[in-house]
Structure formats: structure tokens, C-alpha cells
Amino acid sequence: MSRPCRKVNTVTDGAPIGPRGVKLLNRVRHAGGTYPLECNRDRDSAGRAIAGGFLRRDARDDTLVHITGKGLAYLDHLARAV
């Protein structure tokens, strides 16, 4: 008898981006919406935030990210939940 496969939730399915991702979103927002990814911790967190639609990469510069409307709404939602 086989066991049913359990679906793993990913960021694109609405899974949370974690505390590092939230901190990155806050840094991007406080930087005016555009932020340079300067260290590895930012790059690691950016991948999850980009996959979730919270950030997008700059078309001309791979090291820059921009916060999206979805990212701003997510931060507002978190602020209200506290």
C-alpha cells in the first residue's frame, strides 16, 4: 500500500518568507523602494522574496531589487497583525 504524497508549501504557494526575508523587505522599503544586494544574507533572502512576488530584480542591474506592491501590502499586513 503506497502512502499519499504530501505537498510541500513553497513561497509561491503563500508560505512565509521568514524573518530574514521580512527584514530585507523592510530595508528595501526604508531605502526608498530600491536596494542593492551587498551581502550573502541579502541574496539568500532575496531569492525567496522574489519567488513570492514581494521583490523584483532590476532589469539593468542584477544587484538591485525593487519592492513590489505585493511586498508593501505584506509588510502592512504584518504591521497590523502585531
C-alpha atoms as a PDB file:
ATOM      1  CA  MET A   1       0.000   0.000   0.000  1.00  0.00           C
ATOM      2  CA  SER A   2       1.517   3.330  -1.022  1.00  0.00           C
ATOM      3  CA  ARG A   3       1.400   6.439   1.092  1.00  0.00           C
ATOM      4  CA  PRO A   4      -0.098   9.602  -0.383  1.00  0.00           C
ATOM      5  CA  CYS A   5       2.422  12.301  -1.257  1.00  0.00           C
ATOM      6  CA  ARG A   6       2.264  15.389   0.861  1.00  0.00           C
ATOM      7  CA  LYS A   7       2.589  18.694  -0.972  1.00  0.00           C
ATOM      8  CA  VAL A   8       5.380  20.914   0.266  1.00  0.00           C
ATOM      9  CA  ASN A   9       4.347  24.565   0.588  1.00  0.00           C
ATOM     10  CA  THR A  10       6.658  26.982  -1.168  1.00  0.00           C
ATOM     11  CA  VAL A  11       6.805  30.757  -1.148  1.00  0.00           C
ATOM     12  CA  THR A  12       4.916  30.859  -4.438  1.00  0.00           C
ATOM     13  CA  ASP A  13       2.094  28.937  -2.712  1.00  0.00           C
ATOM     14  CA  GLY A  14       1.875  31.546   0.033  1.00  0.00           C
ATOM     15  CA  ALA A  15       4.369  30.127   2.535  1.00  0.00           C
ATOM     16  CA  PRO A  16       6.036  32.801   4.712  1.00  0.00           C
ATOM     17  CA  ILE A  17       9.393  34.231   3.634  1.00  0.00           C
ATOM     18  CA  GLY A  18      10.852  34.034   7.130  1.00  0.00           C
ATOM     19  CA  PRO A  19      12.302  36.673   9.452  1.00  0.00           C
ATOM     20  CA  ARG A  20      15.334  37.379   7.245  1.00  0.00           C
ATOM     21  CA  GLY A  21      13.047  37.969   4.280  1.00  0.00           C
ATOM     22  CA  VAL A  22      10.858  40.343   6.281  1.00  0.00           C
ATOM     23  CA  LYS A  23      13.937  42.266   7.433  1.00  0.00           C
ATOM     24  CA  LEU A  24      15.102  42.534   3.827  1.00  0.00           C
ATOM     25  CA  LEU A  25      11.690  43.827   2.737  1.00  0.00           C
ATOM     26  CA  ASN A  26      11.858  46.453   5.477  1.00  0.00           C
ATOM     27  CA  ARG A  27      15.369  47.512   4.394  1.00  0.00           C
ATOM     28  CA  VAL A  28      14.193  47.864   0.794  1.00  0.00           C
ATOM     29  CA  ARG A  29      11.145  49.897   1.828  1.00  0.00           C
ATOM     30  CA  HIS A  30      13.198  52.197   4.071  1.00  0.00           C
ATOM     31  CA  ALA A  31      15.752  52.681   1.274  1.00  0.00           C
ATOM     32  CA  GLY A  32      13.024  54.189  -0.890  1.00  0.00           C
ATOM     33  CA  GLY A  33      11.964  51.030  -2.705  1.00  0.00           C
ATOM     34  CA  THR A  34      15.289  50.168  -4.371  1.00  0.00           C
ATOM     35  CA  TYR A  35      18.064  48.361  -2.547  1.00  0.00           C
ATOM     36  CA  PRO A  36      21.485  46.987  -3.565  1.00  0.00           C
ATOM     37  CA  LEU A  37      22.107  43.373  -2.541  1.00  0.00           C
ATOM     38  CA  GLU A  38      25.524  43.740  -0.970  1.00  0.00           C
ATOM     39  CA  CYS A  39      25.953  40.677   1.200  1.00  0.00           C
ATOM     40  CA  ASN A  40      25.180  36.962   1.006  1.00  0.00           C
ATOM     41  CA  ARG A  41      22.421  37.104   3.615  1.00  0.00           C
ATOM     42  CA  ASP A  42      20.562  39.612   1.449  1.00  0.00           C
ATOM     43  CA  ARG A  43      20.994  37.486  -1.674  1.00  0.00           C
ATOM     44  CA  ASP A  44      19.740  34.350   0.090  1.00  0.00           C
ATOM     45  CA  SER A  45      16.647  36.112   1.413  1.00  0.00           C
ATOM     46  CA  ALA A  46      16.030  37.912  -1.884  1.00  0.00           C
ATOM     47  CA  GLY A  47      15.579  34.612  -3.728  1.00  0.00           C
ATOM     48  CA  ARG A  48      12.610  33.644  -1.573  1.00  0.00           C
ATOM     49  CA  ALA A  49      11.134  37.148  -1.666  1.00  0.00           C
ATOM     50  CA  ILE A  50      11.452  37.302  -5.465  1.00  0.00           C
ATOM     51  CA  ALA A  51       9.868  33.853  -5.821  1.00  0.00           C
ATOM     52  CA  GLY A  52       6.957  35.051  -3.691  1.00  0.00           C
ATOM     53  CA  GLY A  53       6.498  38.211  -5.756  1.00  0.00           C
ATOM     54  CA  PHE A  54       7.482  40.563  -2.919  1.00  0.00           C
ATOM     55  CA  LEU A  55      10.602  41.853  -4.688  1.00  0.00           C
ATOM     56  CA  ARG A  56      11.742  42.070  -8.288  1.00  0.00           C
ATOM     57  CA  ARG A  57      15.223  42.369  -9.751  1.00  0.00           C
ATOM     58  CA  ASP A  58      16.224  45.460 -11.679  1.00  0.00           C
ATOM     59  CA  ALA A  59      16.288  44.763 -15.419  1.00  0.00           C
ATOM     60  CA  ARG A  60      19.559  46.661 -15.905  1.00  0.00           C
ATOM     61  CA  ASP A  61      21.437  45.762 -12.706  1.00  0.00           C
ATOM     62  CA  ASP A  62      21.270  42.278 -11.148  1.00  0.00           C
ATOM     63  CA  THR A  63      22.433  43.574  -7.781  1.00  0.00           C
ATOM     64  CA  LEU A  64      19.427  45.893  -7.320  1.00  0.00           C
ATOM     65  CA  VAL A  65      15.998  44.816  -6.128  1.00  0.00           C
ATOM     66  CA  HIS A  66      12.742  46.773  -6.025  1.00  0.00           C
ATOM     67  CA  ILE A  67       9.856  46.173  -3.661  1.00  0.00           C
ATOM     68  CA  THR A  68       6.557  45.337  -5.338  1.00  0.00           C
ATOM     69  CA  GLY A  69       3.031  46.304  -4.388  1.00  0.00           C
ATOM     70  CA  LYS A  70       2.591  42.801  -3.024  1.00  0.00           C
ATOM     71  CA  GLY A  71       5.685  43.298  -0.828  1.00  0.00           C
ATOM     72  CA  LEU A  72       4.368  46.582   0.553  1.00  0.00           C
ATOM     73  CA  ALA A  73       0.971  45.021   1.221  1.00  0.00           C
ATOM     74  CA  TYR A  74       2.656  42.088   3.006  1.00  0.00           C
ATOM     75  CA  LEU A  75       4.586  44.451   5.288  1.00  0.00           C
ATOM     76  CA  ASP A  76       1.423  46.430   6.028  1.00  0.00           C
ATOM     77  CA  HIS A  77      -0.397  43.182   6.840  1.00  0.00           C
ATOM     78  CA  LEU A  78       2.391  42.156   9.243  1.00  0.00           C
ATOM     79  CA  ALA A  79       2.342  45.575  10.925  1.00  0.00           C
ATOM     80  CA  ARG A  80      -1.397  45.370  11.525  1.00  0.00           C
ATOM     81  CA  ALA A  81      -1.189  41.814  12.872  1.00  0.00           C
ATOM     82  CA  VAL A  82       1.073  42.845  15.754  1.00  0.00           C
END
